[in-house]
Amino acid sequence: MDFSKQSATDAYSQEDVREIIDIAMADRSTLDSNLSHPQLLEIAQELSISPESIELAKI
């Protein structure tokens, strides 16, 4: 996938979102920092993912 061709108004598929998040998290992990549970929930909220879905995904 070529992210450079995406504009701010384009929609992303669920697969693209996962790939973007995975890349961002990999970059973040190089800084040796971890996300707290509240930070995870905040990111999920921004992505319209319910707290319940996050809890189910953690299982």
PDB file of N, CA and C in Angstrom:
ATOM      1  N   MET A   1       0.838  -1.179   0.000  1.00  0.00           N
ATOM      2  CA  MET A   1       0.000   0.000   0.000  1.00  0.00           C
ATOM      3  C   MET A   1       0.879   1.236   0.000  1.00  0.00           C
ATOM      4  N   ASP A   2       0.538   2.216  -0.800  1.00  0.00           N
ATOM      5  CA  ASP A   2       1.317   3.440  -0.894  1.00  0.00           C
ATOM      6  C   ASP A   2       0.585   4.561  -0.164  1.00  0.00           C
ATOM      7  N   PHE A   3       1.018   4.831   1.076  1.00  0.00           N
ATOM      8  CA  PHE A   3       0.362   5.846   1.890  1.00  0.00           C
ATOM      9  C   PHE A   3       0.583   7.253   1.341  1.00  0.00           C
ATOM     10  N   SER A   4       1.639   7.467   0.579  1.00  0.00           N
ATOM     11  CA  SER A   4       1.944   8.804   0.076  1.00  0.00           C
ATOM     12  C   SER A   4       0.874   9.313  -0.888  1.00  0.00           C
ATOM     13  N   LYS A   5       0.090   8.414  -1.460  1.00  0.00           N
ATOM     14  CA  LYS A   5      -0.950   8.826  -2.400  1.00  0.00           C
ATOM     15  C   LYS A   5      -2.284   9.091  -1.712  1.00  0.00           C
ATOM     16  N   GLN A   6      -2.367   8.856  -0.405  1.00  0.00           N
ATOM     17  CA  GLN A   6      -3.600   9.076   0.335  1.00  0.00           C
ATOM     18  C   GLN A   6      -3.690  10.541   0.745  1.00  0.00           C
ATOM     19  N   SER A   7      -4.847  11.148   0.565  1.00  0.00           N
ATOM     20  CA  SER A   7      -5.042  12.513   1.055  1.00  0.00           C
ATOM     21  C   SER A   7      -5.757  12.454   2.388  1.00  0.00           C
ATOM     22  N   ALA A   8      -5.815  13.574   3.082  1.00  0.00           N
ATOM     23  CA  ALA A   8      -6.432  13.624   4.401  1.00  0.00           C
ATOM     24  C   ALA A   8      -7.923  13.302   4.347  1.00  0.00           C
ATOM     25  N   THR A   9      -8.547  13.440   3.196  1.00  0.00           N
ATOM     26  CA  THR A   9      -9.981  13.200   3.090  1.00  0.00           C
ATOM     27  C   THR A   9     -10.309  11.787   2.626  1.00  0.00           C
ATOM     28  N   ASP A  10      -9.309  10.985   2.292  1.00  0.00           N
ATOM     29  CA  ASP A  10      -9.551   9.607   1.854  1.00  0.00           C
ATOM     30  C   ASP A  10      -9.971   8.740   3.030  1.00  0.00           C
ATOM     31  N   ALA A  11     -10.744   7.737   2.729  1.00  0.00           N
ATOM     32  CA  ALA A  11     -11.127   6.751   3.736  1.00  0.00           C
ATOM     33  C   ALA A  11     -10.139   5.602   3.679  1.00  0.00           C
ATOM     34  N   TYR A  12      -9.959   4.933   4.804  1.00  0.00           N
ATOM     35  CA  TYR A  12      -9.033   3.818   4.884  1.00  0.00           C
ATOM     36  C   TYR A  12      -9.801   2.545   5.186  1.00  0.00           C
ATOM     37  N   SER A  13      -9.374   1.469   4.570  1.00  0.00           N
ATOM     38  CA  SER A  13      -9.986   0.177   4.866  1.00  0.00           C
ATOM     39  C   SER A  13      -9.520  -0.270   6.251  1.00  0.00           C
ATOM     40  N   GLN A  14     -10.230  -1.228   6.808  1.00  0.00           N
ATOM     41  CA  GLN A  14      -9.857  -1.753   8.122  1.00  0.00           C
ATOM     42  C   GLN A  14      -8.440  -2.334   8.083  1.00  0.00           C
ATOM     43  N   GLU A  15      -8.105  -2.991   6.991  1.00  0.00           N
ATOM     44  CA  GLU A  15      -6.762  -3.557   6.838  1.00  0.00           C
ATOM     45  C   GLU A  15      -5.710  -2.454   6.808  1.00  0.00           C
ATOM     46  N   ASP A  16      -5.990  -1.361   6.087  1.00  0.00           N
ATOM     47  CA  ASP A  16      -5.064  -0.235   6.037  1.00  0.00           C
ATOM     48  C   ASP A  16      -4.875   0.382   7.414  1.00  0.00           C
ATOM     49  N   VAL A  17      -5.964   0.521   8.161  1.00  0.00           N
ATOM     50  CA  VAL A  17      -5.881   1.092   9.503  1.00  0.00           C
ATOM     51  C   VAL A  17      -4.998   0.217  10.380  1.00  0.00           C
ATOM     52  N   ARG A  18      -5.190  -1.092  10.306  1.00  0.00           N
ATOM     53  CA  ARG A  18      -4.350  -2.005  11.094  1.00  0.00           C
ATOM     54  C   ARG A  18      -2.874  -1.839  10.726  1.00  0.00           C
ATOM     55  N   GLU A  19      -2.599  -1.749   9.443  1.00  0.00           N
ATOM     56  CA  GLU A  19      -1.220  -1.607   8.995  1.00  0.00           C
ATOM     57  C   GLU A  19      -0.624  -0.288   9.490  1.00  0.00           C
ATOM     58  N   ILE A  20      -1.385   0.786   9.397  1.00  0.00           N
ATOM     59  CA  ILE A  20      -0.918   2.093   9.864  1.00  0.00           C
ATOM     60  C   ILE A  20      -0.632   2.054  11.361  1.00  0.00           C
ATOM     61  N   ILE A  21      -1.567   1.483  12.125  1.00  0.00           N
ATOM     62  CA  ILE A  21      -1.387   1.393  13.571  1.00  0.00           C
ATOM     63  C   ILE A  21      -0.183   0.518  13.908  1.00  0.00           C
ATOM     64  N   ASP A  22      -0.032  -0.604  13.215  1.00  0.00           N
ATOM     65  CA  ASP A  22       1.115  -1.484  13.457  1.00  0.00           C
ATOM     66  C   ASP A  22       2.430  -0.758  13.216  1.00  0.00           C
ATOM     67  N   ILE A  23       2.495  -0.004  12.138  1.00  0.00           N
ATOM     68  CA  ILE A  23       3.717   0.747  11.819  1.00  0.00           C
ATOM     69  C   ILE A  23       3.972   1.811  12.878  1.00  0.00           C
ATOM     70  N   ALA A  24       2.925   2.522  13.261  1.00  0.00           N
ATOM     71  CA  ALA A  24       3.072   3.568  14.273  1.00  0.00           C
ATOM     72  C   ALA A  24       3.504   2.979  15.611  1.00  0.00           C
ATOM     73  N   MET A  25       2.938   1.837  15.970  1.00  0.00           N
ATOM     74  CA  MET A  25       3.308   1.208  17.229  1.00  0.00           C
ATOM     75  C   MET A  25       4.743   0.691  17.177  1.00  0.00           C
ATOM     76  N   ALA A  26       5.167   0.187  16.040  1.00  0.00           N
ATOM     77  CA  ALA A  26       6.547  -0.280  15.905  1.00  0.00           C
ATOM     78  C   ALA A  26       7.509   0.874  16.074  1.00  0.00           C
ATOM     79  N   ASP A  27       7.185   2.017  15.466  1.00  0.00           N
ATOM     80  CA  ASP A  27       8.021   3.205  15.622  1.00  0.00           C
ATOM     81  C   ASP A  27       8.052   3.649  17.077  1.00  0.00           C
ATOM     82  N   ARG A  28       6.904   3.592  17.731  1.00  0.00           N
ATOM     83  CA  ARG A  28       6.801   3.999  19.134  1.00  0.00           C
ATOM     84  C   ARG A  28       7.613   3.069  20.025  1.00  0.00           C
ATOM     85  N   SER A  29       7.632   1.770  19.697  1.00  0.00           N
ATOM     86  CA  SER A  29       8.340   0.817  20.545  1.00  0.00           C
ATOM     87  C   SER A  29       9.846   1.043  20.508  1.00  0.00           C
ATOM     88  N   THR A  30      10.344   1.641  19.448  1.00  0.00           N
ATOM     89  CA  THR A  30      11.774   1.928  19.394  1.00  0.00           C
ATOM     90  C   THR A  30      12.145   2.999  20.405  1.00  0.00           C
ATOM     91  N   LEU A  31      11.164   3.744  20.876  1.00  0.00           N
ATOM     92  CA  LEU A  31      11.413   4.750  21.908  1.00  0.00           C
ATOM     93  C   LEU A  31      11.365   4.126  23.303  1.00  0.00           C
ATOM     94  N   ASP A  32      11.116   2.813  23.363  1.00  0.00           N
ATOM     95  CA  ASP A  32      11.035   2.067  24.613  1.00  0.00           C
ATOM     96  C   ASP A  32       9.980   2.637  25.552  1.00  0.00           C
ATOM     97  N   SER A  33       8.834   2.961  24.986  1.00  0.00           N
ATOM     98  CA  SER A  33       7.741   3.425  25.829  1.00  0.00           C
ATOM     99  C   SER A  33       6.548   2.518  25.614  1.00  0.00           C
ATOM    100  N   ASN A  34       5.767   2.374  26.652  1.00  0.00           N
ATOM    101  CA  ASN A  34       4.580   1.533  26.590  1.00  0.00           C
ATOM    102  C   ASN A  34       3.345   2.391  26.726  1.00  0.00           C
ATOM    103  N   LEU A  35       2.260   1.910  26.177  1.00  0.00           N
ATOM    104  CA  LEU A  35       0.987   2.599  26.334  1.00  0.00           C
ATOM    105  C   LEU A  35       0.329   2.134  27.617  1.00  0.00           C
ATOM    106  N   SER A  36      -0.240   3.075  28.330  1.00  0.00           N
ATOM    107  CA  SER A  36      -1.029   2.714  29.499  1.00  0.00           C
ATOM    108  C   SER A  36      -2.424   2.308  29.038  1.00  0.00           C
ATOM    109  N   HIS A  37      -3.160   1.668  29.920  1.00  0.00           N
ATOM    110  CA  HIS A  37      -4.529   1.268  29.581  1.00  0.00           C
ATOM    111  C   HIS A  37      -5.375   2.496  29.207  1.00  0.00           C
ATOM    112  N   PRO A  38      -5.301   3.597  29.968  1.00  0.00           N
ATOM    113  CA  PRO A  38      -6.072   4.788  29.568  1.00  0.00           C
ATOM    114  C   PRO A  38      -5.670   5.318  28.187  1.00  0.00           C
ATOM    115  N   GLN A  39      -4.381   5.248  27.847  1.00  0.00           N
ATOM    116  CA  GLN A  39      -3.941   5.688  26.523  1.00  0.00           C
ATOM    117  C   GLN A  39      -4.513   4.778  25.441  1.00  0.00           C
ATOM    118  N   LEU A  40      -4.520   3.478  25.697  1.00  0.00           N
ATOM    119  CA  LEU A  40      -5.095   2.522  24.749  1.00  0.00           C
ATOM    120  C   LEU A  40      -6.570   2.828  24.517  1.00  0.00           C
ATOM    121  N   LEU A  41      -7.296   3.092  25.600  1.00  0.00           N
ATOM    122  CA  LEU A  41      -8.713   3.412  25.473  1.00  0.00           C
ATOM    123  C   LEU A  41      -8.932   4.731  24.732  1.00  0.00           C
ATOM    124  N   GLU A  42      -8.055   5.685  24.944  1.00  0.00           N
ATOM    125  CA  GLU A  42      -8.164   6.967  24.237  1.00  0.00           C
ATOM    126  C   GLU A  42      -7.961   6.783  22.739  1.00  0.00           C
ATOM    127  N   ILE A  43      -6.975   5.995  22.360  1.00  0.00           N
ATOM    128  CA  ILE A  43      -6.734   5.720  20.945  1.00  0.00           C
ATOM    129  C   ILE A  43      -7.927   4.983  20.353  1.00  0.00           C
ATOM    130  N   ALA A  44      -8.432   4.015  21.085  1.00  0.00           N
ATOM    131  CA  ALA A  44      -9.596   3.259  20.609  1.00  0.00           C
ATOM    132  C   ALA A  44     -10.785   4.187  20.400  1.00  0.00           C
ATOM    133  N   GLN A  45     -10.999   5.088  21.337  1.00  0.00           N
ATOM    134  CA  GLN A  45     -12.115   6.030  21.216  1.00  0.00           C
ATOM    135  C   GLN A  45     -11.967   6.881  19.957  1.00  0.00           C
ATOM    136  N   GLU A  46     -10.754   7.339  19.679  1.00  0.00           N
ATOM    137  CA  GLU A  46     -10.508   8.137  18.480  1.00  0.00           C
ATOM    138  C   GLU A  46     -10.779   7.344  17.208  1.00  0.00           C
ATOM    139  N   LEU A  47     -10.643   6.030  17.291  1.00  0.00           N
ATOM    140  CA  LEU A  47     -10.888   5.154  16.144  1.00  0.00           C
ATOM    141  C   LEU A  47     -12.301   4.573  16.159  1.00  0.00           C
ATOM    142  N   SER A  48     -13.134   5.074  17.062  1.00  0.00           N
ATOM    143  CA  SER A  48     -14.519   4.598  17.215  1.00  0.00           C
ATOM    144  C   SER A  48     -14.584   3.120  17.570  1.00  0.00           C
ATOM    145  N   ILE A  49     -13.653   2.681  18.392  1.00  0.00           N
ATOM    146  CA  ILE A  49     -13.629   1.314  18.882  1.00  0.00           C
ATOM    147  C   ILE A  49     -14.097   1.357  20.333  1.00  0.00           C
ATOM    148  N   SER A  50     -15.083   0.542  20.651  1.00  0.00           N
ATOM    149  CA  SER A  50     -15.648   0.568  21.995  1.00  0.00           C
ATOM    150  C   SER A  50     -14.678  -0.018  23.016  1.00  0.00           C
ATOM    151  N   PRO A  51     -14.779   0.446  24.265  1.00  0.00           N
ATOM    152  CA  PRO A  51     -13.953  -0.150  25.327  1.00  0.00           C
ATOM    153  C   PRO A  51     -14.205  -1.650  25.464  1.00  0.00           C
ATOM    154  N   GLU A  52     -15.438  -2.068  25.209  1.00  0.00           N
ATOM    155  CA  GLU A  52     -15.750  -3.484  25.288  1.00  0.00           C
ATOM    156  C   GLU A  52     -14.981  -4.289  24.238  1.00  0.00           C
ATOM    157  N   SER A  53     -14.871  -3.719  23.032  1.00  0.00           N
ATOM    158  CA  SER A  53     -14.114  -4.396  21.972  1.00  0.00           C
ATOM    159  C   SER A  53     -12.648  -4.513  22.344  1.00  0.00           C
ATOM    160  N   ILE A  54     -12.110  -3.494  22.981  1.00  0.00           N
ATOM    161  CA  ILE A  54     -10.709  -3.540  23.430  1.00  0.00           C
ATOM    162  C   ILE A  54     -10.541  -4.652  24.461  1.00  0.00           C
ATOM    163  N   GLU A  55     -11.453  -4.720  25.427  1.00  0.00           N
ATOM    164  CA  GLU A  55     -11.368  -5.753  26.457  1.00  0.00           C
ATOM    165  C   GLU A  55     -11.472  -7.147  25.855  1.00  0.00           C
ATOM    166  N   LEU A  56     -12.362  -7.330  24.886  1.00  0.00           N
ATOM    167  CA  LEU A  56     -12.484  -8.630  24.225  1.00  0.00           C
ATOM    168  C   LEU A  56     -11.220  -8.978  23.441  1.00  0.00           C
ATOM    169  N   ALA A  57     -10.614  -7.969  22.828  1.00  0.00           N
ATOM    170  CA  ALA A  57      -9.414  -8.213  22.032  1.00  0.00           C
ATOM    171  C   ALA A  57      -8.222  -8.594  22.905  1.00  0.00           C
ATOM    172  N   LYS A  58      -8.225  -8.161  24.150  1.00  0.00           N
ATOM    173  CA  LYS A  58      -7.131  -8.466  25.058  1.00  0.00           C
ATOM    174  C   LYS A  58      -7.143  -9.914  25.524  1.00  0.00           C
ATOM    175  N   ILE A  59      -8.282 -10.574  25.376  1.00  0.00           N
ATOM    176  CA  ILE A  59      -8.416 -11.960  25.869  1.00  0.00           C
ATOM    177  C   ILE A  59      -7.665 -12.918  24.978  1.00  0.00           C
TER     178      ILE A  59
END
